[in-house]
């Protein structure tokens, strides 16, 4: 199993980020070489599902992601999603979002991805691709939320 963590700090409140965590934001934050369709997005509550169809260079793959945990903390929220249907070569995908308020009205978004593929070689081969795809979101989220906060 491989894992990666990406932290993004934005000028927005936790509630604003949660209210904007939807299919449109997913599509905005996906690299253009991945044609992403989101035929179903239930929301961010436990048991909610998101169905994704990705096309990378004409190769279509479908994913079904389910929210398995949602926990409010004193400074934010943790949402854990797990793939219940994954495309080849994945056999496991867990994405945990920790969205928490930090100083000066900012929020830190921590994306923690854990995945496993058919074999260790695929795990290593796919790592830089997954890292790029997840890191691609960082400046998009920063641009989306880095504006003056009205207090």
N, C-alpha and C. Protein backbone atom coordinates (compact mmCIF):
# COMPACT_ATOMS: atom_id res chain seq x y z
N UNK A 1 0.85 -1.17 0.00
CA UNK A 1 0.00 0.00 0.00
C UNK A 1 0.89 1.23 0.00
N UNK A 2 0.54 2.21 -0.81
CA UNK A 2 1.25 3.48 -0.87
C UNK A 2 0.35 4.57 -0.32
N UNK A 3 0.96 5.65 0.13
CA UNK A 3 0.18 6.78 0.61
C UNK A 3 0.89 8.08 0.26
N UNK A 4 0.11 9.13 0.20
CA UNK A 4 0.66 10.46 0.00
C UNK A 4 -0.23 11.46 0.71
N UNK A 5 0.38 12.57 1.11
CA UNK A 5 -0.34 13.62 1.83
C UNK A 5 -0.01 14.95 1.16
N UNK A 6 -1.05 15.73 0.90
CA UNK A 6 -0.87 17.07 0.34
C UNK A 6 -1.66 18.04 1.20
N UNK A 7 -0.99 19.11 1.65
CA UNK A 7 -1.62 20.15 2.46
C UNK A 7 -1.79 21.41 1.64
N UNK A 8 -2.96 22.03 1.76
CA UNK A 8 -3.24 23.28 1.07
C UNK A 8 -3.86 24.24 2.07
N UNK A 9 -3.32 25.45 2.14
CA UNK A 9 -3.86 26.47 3.03
C UNK A 9 -4.58 27.51 2.18
N UNK A 10 -5.83 27.80 2.55
CA UNK A 10 -6.64 28.75 1.79
C UNK A 10 -7.25 29.78 2.73
N UNK A 11 -7.63 30.92 2.15
CA UNK A 11 -8.30 31.99 2.89
C UNK A 11 -9.81 31.80 2.79
N UNK A 12 -10.29 30.84 3.51
CA UNK A 12 -11.73 30.57 3.53
C UNK A 12 -12.06 29.86 4.83
N UNK A 13 -13.30 29.92 5.19
CA UNK A 13 -13.74 29.23 6.40
C UNK A 13 -14.10 27.78 6.06
N UNK A 14 -14.05 26.94 7.07
CA UNK A 14 -14.33 25.51 6.89
C UNK A 14 -15.69 25.31 6.23
N UNK A 15 -16.72 26.02 6.70
CA UNK A 15 -18.06 25.87 6.14
C UNK A 15 -18.12 26.22 4.66
N UNK A 16 -17.39 27.26 4.26
CA UNK A 16 -17.39 27.66 2.85
C UNK A 16 -16.80 26.55 1.98
N UNK A 17 -15.74 25.94 2.46
CA UNK A 17 -15.12 24.85 1.71
C UNK A 17 -16.08 23.67 1.61
N UNK A 18 -16.70 23.30 2.73
CA UNK A 18 -17.65 22.18 2.71
C UNK A 18 -18.83 22.46 1.80
N UNK A 19 -19.34 23.69 1.83
CA UNK A 19 -20.49 24.03 0.99
C UNK A 19 -20.16 24.02 -0.49
N UNK A 20 -18.88 24.16 -0.82
CA UNK A 20 -18.45 24.16 -2.22
C UNK A 20 -17.78 22.87 -2.64
N UNK A 21 -17.83 21.86 -1.79
CA UNK A 21 -17.24 20.56 -2.14
C UNK A 21 -18.32 19.76 -2.85
N UNK A 22 -18.28 19.83 -4.19
CA UNK A 22 -19.34 19.22 -4.99
C UNK A 22 -18.76 18.75 -6.33
N UNK A 23 -19.61 18.28 -7.19
CA UNK A 23 -19.18 17.74 -8.49
C UNK A 23 -18.48 18.81 -9.33
N UNK A 24 -18.98 20.04 -9.29
CA UNK A 24 -18.35 21.11 -10.07
C UNK A 24 -16.92 21.37 -9.62
N UNK A 25 -16.71 21.41 -8.30
CA UNK A 25 -15.36 21.62 -7.78
C UNK A 25 -14.45 20.47 -8.16
N UNK A 26 -14.97 19.24 -8.13
CA UNK A 26 -14.17 18.09 -8.53
C UNK A 26 -13.71 18.23 -9.98
N UNK A 27 -14.62 18.67 -10.84
CA UNK A 27 -14.27 18.81 -12.25
C UNK A 27 -13.28 19.96 -12.47
N UNK A 28 -13.48 21.07 -11.75
CA UNK A 28 -12.56 22.21 -11.86
C UNK A 28 -11.14 21.82 -11.46
N UNK A 29 -11.03 20.96 -10.45
CA UNK A 29 -9.73 20.63 -9.86
C UNK A 29 -9.09 19.38 -10.47
N UNK A 30 -9.58 18.95 -11.61
CA UNK A 30 -9.04 17.76 -12.28
C UNK A 30 -8.23 18.20 -13.49
N UNK A 31 -7.04 17.64 -13.68
CA UNK A 31 -6.22 18.03 -14.84
C UNK A 31 -6.98 17.85 -16.16
N UNK A 32 -6.71 18.73 -17.12
CA UNK A 32 -7.46 18.68 -18.38
C UNK A 32 -7.26 17.40 -19.20
N UNK A 33 -6.16 16.69 -19.00
CA UNK A 33 -5.97 15.46 -19.77
C UNK A 33 -6.83 14.31 -19.25
N UNK A 34 -7.49 14.55 -18.11
CA UNK A 34 -8.44 13.56 -17.59
C UNK A 34 -9.84 14.10 -17.85
N UNK A 35 -10.55 13.45 -18.73
CA UNK A 35 -11.93 13.85 -18.98
C UNK A 35 -12.77 13.23 -17.86
N UNK A 36 -13.20 14.07 -16.92
CA UNK A 36 -13.94 13.59 -15.75
C UNK A 36 -15.42 13.87 -15.91
N UNK A 37 -16.23 12.84 -15.75
CA UNK A 37 -17.68 12.98 -15.68
C UNK A 37 -18.11 12.54 -14.28
N UNK A 38 -19.07 13.26 -13.72
CA UNK A 38 -19.59 12.93 -12.39
C UNK A 38 -21.10 12.72 -12.54
N UNK A 39 -21.52 11.51 -12.95
CA UNK A 39 -22.94 11.27 -13.15
C UNK A 39 -23.74 11.24 -11.85
N UNK A 40 -23.05 11.05 -10.73
CA UNK A 40 -23.77 11.02 -9.45
C UNK A 40 -22.88 11.58 -8.35
N UNK A 41 -23.42 12.55 -7.62
CA UNK A 41 -22.75 13.10 -6.45
C UNK A 41 -23.81 13.32 -5.39
N UNK A 42 -23.85 12.43 -4.40
CA UNK A 42 -24.89 12.51 -3.36
C UNK A 42 -24.60 13.59 -2.33
N UNK A 43 -23.34 13.83 -2.02
CA UNK A 43 -22.97 14.79 -0.99
C UNK A 43 -21.83 14.27 -0.14
N UNK A 44 -21.73 14.80 1.07
CA UNK A 44 -20.60 14.49 1.95
C UNK A 44 -21.02 13.86 3.27
N UNK A 45 -22.16 13.22 3.29
CA UNK A 45 -22.62 12.53 4.50
C UNK A 45 -22.27 11.05 4.40
N UNK A 46 -22.20 10.38 5.53
CA UNK A 46 -21.88 8.96 5.54
C UNK A 46 -22.88 8.20 4.66
N UNK A 47 -22.38 7.30 3.86
CA UNK A 47 -23.11 6.47 2.88
C UNK A 47 -23.39 7.18 1.56
N UNK A 48 -23.12 8.48 1.47
CA UNK A 48 -23.27 9.17 0.19
C UNK A 48 -22.26 8.61 -0.80
N UNK A 49 -22.68 8.55 -2.05
CA UNK A 49 -21.80 8.01 -3.08
C UNK A 49 -21.51 9.05 -4.16
N UNK A 50 -20.36 8.89 -4.76
CA UNK A 50 -19.98 9.65 -5.94
C UNK A 50 -19.57 8.65 -7.00
N UNK A 51 -20.18 8.77 -8.16
CA UNK A 51 -19.83 7.91 -9.29
C UNK A 51 -19.03 8.76 -10.27
N UNK A 52 -17.88 8.24 -10.65
CA UNK A 52 -16.98 8.96 -11.55
C UNK A 52 -16.70 8.13 -12.79
N UNK A 53 -16.59 8.81 -13.90
CA UNK A 53 -16.09 8.18 -15.12
C UNK A 53 -14.92 9.04 -15.58
N UNK A 54 -13.76 8.42 -15.67
CA UNK A 54 -12.58 9.13 -16.13
C UNK A 54 -12.17 8.58 -17.49
N UNK A 55 -11.63 9.47 -18.28
CA UNK A 55 -11.10 9.07 -19.58
C UNK A 55 -9.72 9.68 -19.71
N UNK A 56 -8.73 8.82 -19.68
CA UNK A 56 -7.35 9.27 -19.87
C UNK A 56 -6.90 8.75 -21.22
N UNK A 57 -6.70 9.69 -22.15
CA UNK A 57 -6.27 9.34 -23.50
C UNK A 57 -7.21 8.32 -24.14
N UNK A 58 -8.54 8.52 -23.93
CA UNK A 58 -9.54 7.67 -24.56
C UNK A 58 -9.83 6.36 -23.84
N UNK A 59 -9.17 6.11 -22.74
CA UNK A 59 -9.40 4.88 -21.97
C UNK A 59 -10.36 5.21 -20.81
N UNK A 60 -11.59 4.71 -20.90
CA UNK A 60 -12.61 5.02 -19.90
C UNK A 60 -12.54 4.08 -18.72
N UNK A 61 -12.68 4.66 -17.52
CA UNK A 61 -12.68 3.88 -16.29
C UNK A 61 -13.77 4.44 -15.37
N UNK A 62 -14.41 3.55 -14.63
CA UNK A 62 -15.43 4.02 -13.70
C UNK A 62 -15.01 3.72 -12.26
N UNK A 63 -15.42 4.63 -11.40
CA UNK A 63 -15.15 4.55 -9.97
C UNK A 63 -16.48 4.75 -9.24
N UNK A 64 -16.63 4.09 -8.11
CA UNK A 64 -17.72 4.39 -7.19
C UNK A 64 -17.06 4.63 -5.84
N UNK A 65 -17.27 5.83 -5.33
CA UNK A 65 -16.66 6.27 -4.07
C UNK A 65 -17.78 6.46 -3.06
N UNK A 66 -17.54 6.02 -1.82
CA UNK A 66 -18.55 6.17 -0.77
C UNK A 66 -17.94 6.85 0.45
N UNK A 67 -18.70 7.77 1.04
CA UNK A 67 -18.27 8.39 2.29
C UNK A 67 -18.49 7.36 3.39
N UNK A 68 -17.40 6.98 4.06
CA UNK A 68 -17.49 5.94 5.10
C UNK A 68 -17.39 6.51 6.50
N UNK A 69 -16.83 7.69 6.63
CA UNK A 69 -16.74 8.34 7.95
C UNK A 69 -16.83 9.84 7.79
N UNK A 70 -17.46 10.46 8.76
CA UNK A 70 -17.52 11.91 8.82
C UNK A 70 -17.48 12.28 10.29
N UNK A 71 -16.49 13.05 10.67
CA UNK A 71 -16.31 13.37 12.08
C UNK A 71 -16.02 14.86 12.23
N UNK A 72 -16.86 15.52 13.02
CA UNK A 72 -16.61 16.92 13.32
C UNK A 72 -15.61 16.99 14.46
N UNK A 73 -14.67 17.91 14.33
CA UNK A 73 -13.68 18.14 15.37
C UNK A 73 -13.86 19.55 15.91
N UNK A 74 -13.10 19.91 16.91
CA UNK A 74 -13.24 21.25 17.50
C UNK A 74 -12.85 22.34 16.51
N UNK A 75 -12.02 22.02 15.53
CA UNK A 75 -11.56 23.04 14.59
C UNK A 75 -11.93 22.76 13.13
N UNK A 76 -12.72 21.73 12.89
CA UNK A 76 -13.07 21.44 11.50
C UNK A 76 -13.79 20.12 11.33
N UNK A 77 -13.42 19.39 10.30
CA UNK A 77 -14.11 18.15 9.97
C UNK A 77 -13.16 17.19 9.25
N UNK A 78 -13.41 15.91 9.44
CA UNK A 78 -12.67 14.86 8.75
C UNK A 78 -13.68 14.03 7.97
N UNK A 79 -13.43 13.86 6.69
CA UNK A 79 -14.30 13.04 5.84
C UNK A 79 -13.43 11.97 5.19
N UNK A 80 -13.85 10.73 5.34
CA UNK A 80 -13.11 9.62 4.74
C UNK A 80 -13.97 8.99 3.66
N UNK A 81 -13.40 8.84 2.48
CA UNK A 81 -14.09 8.18 1.38
C UNK A 81 -13.30 6.95 0.97
N UNK A 82 -14.03 5.93 0.54
CA UNK A 82 -13.39 4.70 0.09
C UNK A 82 -14.02 4.29 -1.24
N UNK A 83 -13.18 3.83 -2.12
CA UNK A 83 -13.68 3.33 -3.40
C UNK A 83 -14.28 1.95 -3.17
N UNK A 84 -15.53 1.79 -3.58
CA UNK A 84 -16.15 0.46 -3.49
C UNK A 84 -16.12 -0.23 -4.85
N UNK A 85 -15.84 0.54 -5.90
CA UNK A 85 -15.54 -0.01 -7.22
C UNK A 85 -14.37 0.78 -7.78
N UNK A 86 -13.32 0.07 -8.15
CA UNK A 86 -12.12 0.72 -8.68
C UNK A 86 -11.77 0.14 -10.04
N UNK A 87 -11.16 0.94 -10.89
CA UNK A 87 -10.69 0.42 -12.17
C UNK A 87 -9.34 -0.27 -12.00
N UNK A 88 -8.99 -1.07 -12.97
CA UNK A 88 -7.66 -1.68 -13.00
C UNK A 88 -6.63 -0.55 -13.05
N UNK A 89 -5.55 -0.62 -12.35
CA UNK A 89 -5.01 -1.72 -11.56
C UNK A 89 -5.31 -1.59 -10.07
N UNK A 90 -6.18 -0.64 -9.68
CA UNK A 90 -6.42 -0.40 -8.25
C UNK A 90 -7.24 -1.52 -7.63
N UNK A 91 -6.90 -1.86 -6.39
CA UNK A 91 -7.72 -2.78 -5.61
C UNK A 91 -8.17 -2.12 -4.30
N UNK A 92 -7.60 -0.95 -3.98
CA UNK A 92 -8.02 -0.21 -2.79
C UNK A 92 -7.71 1.27 -3.00
N UNK A 93 -8.64 2.12 -2.55
CA UNK A 93 -8.44 3.57 -2.62
C UNK A 93 -9.17 4.19 -1.44
N UNK A 94 -8.44 4.87 -0.59
CA UNK A 94 -9.02 5.58 0.56
C UNK A 94 -8.51 7.01 0.51
N UNK A 95 -9.43 7.96 0.57
CA UNK A 95 -9.08 9.38 0.55
C UNK A 95 -9.69 10.03 1.78
N UNK A 96 -8.83 10.53 2.65
CA UNK A 96 -9.29 11.21 3.86
C UNK A 96 -9.01 12.69 3.72
N UNK A 97 -10.06 13.49 3.91
CA UNK A 97 -9.96 14.94 3.86
C UNK A 97 -10.03 15.45 5.29
N UNK A 98 -9.04 16.21 5.71
CA UNK A 98 -9.11 16.87 7.01
C UNK A 98 -9.12 18.36 6.72
N UNK A 99 -10.24 18.98 7.00
CA UNK A 99 -10.44 20.39 6.73
C UNK A 99 -10.54 21.08 8.08
N UNK A 100 -9.53 21.91 8.41
CA UNK A 100 -9.53 22.49 9.75
C UNK A 100 -9.11 23.96 9.72
N UNK A 101 -9.76 24.71 10.60
CA UNK A 101 -9.45 26.13 10.74
C UNK A 101 -8.08 26.29 11.39
N UNK A 102 -7.32 27.23 10.86
CA UNK A 102 -6.05 27.60 11.47
C UNK A 102 -6.09 29.10 11.71
N UNK A 103 -4.97 29.72 12.04
CA UNK A 103 -4.98 31.14 12.40
C UNK A 103 -5.35 32.05 11.24
N UNK A 104 -5.72 33.28 11.60
CA UNK A 104 -6.01 34.36 10.65
C UNK A 104 -7.14 34.05 9.67
N UNK A 105 -8.12 33.27 10.09
CA UNK A 105 -9.26 32.98 9.23
C UNK A 105 -8.96 32.02 8.09
N UNK A 106 -7.81 31.39 8.15
CA UNK A 106 -7.45 30.45 7.09
C UNK A 106 -7.87 29.03 7.46
N UNK A 107 -7.89 28.19 6.44
CA UNK A 107 -8.23 26.78 6.62
C UNK A 107 -7.17 25.93 5.94
N UNK A 108 -6.80 24.85 6.60
CA UNK A 108 -5.84 23.91 6.04
C UNK A 108 -6.61 22.68 5.57
N UNK A 109 -6.42 22.35 4.30
CA UNK A 109 -7.04 21.16 3.71
C UNK A 109 -5.93 20.11 3.56
N UNK A 110 -6.10 19.00 4.25
CA UNK A 110 -5.13 17.92 4.14
C UNK A 110 -5.78 16.77 3.38
N UNK A 111 -5.19 16.42 2.25
CA UNK A 111 -5.63 15.27 1.46
C UNK A 111 -4.67 14.13 1.78
N UNK A 112 -5.21 13.05 2.32
CA UNK A 112 -4.41 11.87 2.64
C UNK A 112 -4.95 10.72 1.80
N UNK A 113 -4.14 10.27 0.86
CA UNK A 113 -4.54 9.21 -0.07
C UNK A 113 -3.78 7.93 0.28
N UNK A 114 -4.51 6.84 0.37
CA UNK A 114 -3.89 5.51 0.51
C UNK A 114 -4.47 4.65 -0.60
N UNK A 115 -3.59 3.95 -1.28
CA UNK A 115 -4.06 3.11 -2.37
C UNK A 115 -3.21 1.85 -2.48
N UNK A 116 -3.79 0.87 -3.13
CA UNK A 116 -3.08 -0.38 -3.41
C UNK A 116 -3.51 -0.83 -4.80
N UNK A 117 -2.54 -1.34 -5.53
CA UNK A 117 -2.82 -1.84 -6.87
C UNK A 117 -2.59 -3.35 -6.90
N UNK A 118 -2.70 -3.90 -8.09
CA UNK A 118 -2.54 -5.35 -8.28
C UNK A 118 -1.19 -5.86 -7.80
N UNK A 119 -0.16 -5.00 -7.88
CA UNK A 119 1.16 -5.44 -7.41
C UNK A 119 2.01 -4.23 -7.04
N UNK A 120 3.08 -4.49 -6.32
CA UNK A 120 3.94 -3.44 -5.80
C UNK A 120 4.55 -2.59 -6.92
N UNK A 121 4.87 -3.20 -8.04
CA UNK A 121 5.45 -2.45 -9.16
C UNK A 121 4.46 -1.39 -9.66
N UNK A 122 3.18 -1.74 -9.78
CA UNK A 122 2.16 -0.76 -10.16
C UNK A 122 2.06 0.34 -9.10
N UNK A 123 2.12 -0.05 -7.81
CA UNK A 123 2.08 0.95 -6.74
C UNK A 123 3.13 2.03 -6.98
N UNK A 124 4.34 1.59 -7.26
CA UNK A 124 5.45 2.53 -7.47
C UNK A 124 5.31 3.30 -8.78
N UNK A 125 4.88 2.62 -9.82
CA UNK A 125 4.75 3.25 -11.13
C UNK A 125 3.67 4.34 -11.13
N UNK A 126 2.58 4.09 -10.45
CA UNK A 126 1.45 5.01 -10.45
C UNK A 126 1.63 6.17 -9.48
N UNK A 127 2.47 6.02 -8.48
CA UNK A 127 2.64 7.05 -7.45
C UNK A 127 2.87 8.45 -8.03
N UNK A 128 3.83 8.66 -8.93
CA UNK A 128 4.03 10.03 -9.42
C UNK A 128 2.84 10.58 -10.20
N UNK A 129 2.09 9.71 -10.83
CA UNK A 129 0.90 10.15 -11.56
C UNK A 129 -0.17 10.62 -10.58
N UNK A 130 -0.40 9.83 -9.54
CA UNK A 130 -1.39 10.22 -8.53
C UNK A 130 -0.96 11.49 -7.82
N UNK A 131 0.32 11.58 -7.51
CA UNK A 131 0.83 12.78 -6.85
C UNK A 131 0.57 14.01 -7.72
N UNK A 132 0.88 13.90 -9.01
CA UNK A 132 0.65 15.02 -9.92
C UNK A 132 -0.82 15.41 -9.96
N UNK A 133 -1.69 14.41 -10.10
CA UNK A 133 -3.13 14.68 -10.19
C UNK A 133 -3.62 15.38 -8.92
N UNK A 134 -3.19 14.91 -7.76
CA UNK A 134 -3.63 15.52 -6.50
C UNK A 134 -2.99 16.89 -6.29
N UNK A 135 -1.73 17.03 -6.65
CA UNK A 135 -1.05 18.31 -6.48
C UNK A 135 -1.61 19.36 -7.44
N UNK A 136 -2.10 18.93 -8.57
CA UNK A 136 -2.71 19.82 -9.55
C UNK A 136 -3.84 20.63 -8.92
N UNK A 137 -4.55 20.03 -7.98
CA UNK A 137 -5.68 20.68 -7.31
C UNK A 137 -5.26 21.86 -6.44
N UNK A 138 -4.06 21.78 -5.91
CA UNK A 138 -3.61 22.75 -4.92
C UNK A 138 -3.73 24.20 -5.41
N UNK A 139 -3.11 24.61 -6.53
CA UNK A 139 -3.26 26.01 -6.95
C UNK A 139 -4.68 26.37 -7.35
N UNK A 140 -5.45 25.40 -7.82
CA UNK A 140 -6.84 25.68 -8.19
C UNK A 140 -7.65 26.01 -6.94
N UNK A 141 -7.48 25.22 -5.89
CA UNK A 141 -8.18 25.50 -4.63
C UNK A 141 -7.71 26.81 -4.03
N UNK A 142 -6.41 27.07 -4.09
CA UNK A 142 -5.88 28.32 -3.56
C UNK A 142 -6.47 29.50 -4.31
N UNK A 143 -6.54 29.41 -5.62
CA UNK A 143 -7.11 30.49 -6.42
C UNK A 143 -8.60 30.67 -6.14
N UNK A 144 -9.30 29.57 -5.98
CA UNK A 144 -10.75 29.61 -5.72
C UNK A 144 -11.07 30.30 -4.40
N UNK A 145 -10.25 30.04 -3.38
CA UNK A 145 -10.57 30.53 -2.04
C UNK A 145 -9.68 31.66 -1.55
N UNK A 146 -8.57 31.95 -2.19
CA UNK A 146 -7.68 32.99 -1.69
C UNK A 146 -8.13 34.37 -2.13
N UNK A 147 -9.07 34.85 -1.36
CA UNK A 147 -9.61 36.19 -1.55
C UNK A 147 -9.78 36.78 -0.17
N UNK A 148 -10.09 38.03 -0.12
CA UNK A 148 -10.29 38.66 1.19
C UNK A 148 -11.46 38.01 1.91
N UNK A 149 -11.27 37.79 3.19
CA UNK A 149 -12.33 37.21 4.02
C UNK A 149 -13.14 38.35 4.61
N UNK A 150 -14.43 38.32 4.39
CA UNK A 150 -15.31 39.33 4.98
C UNK A 150 -15.71 38.91 6.38
N UNK A 151 -15.22 39.64 7.35
CA UNK A 151 -15.52 39.29 8.75
C UNK A 151 -16.52 40.28 9.30
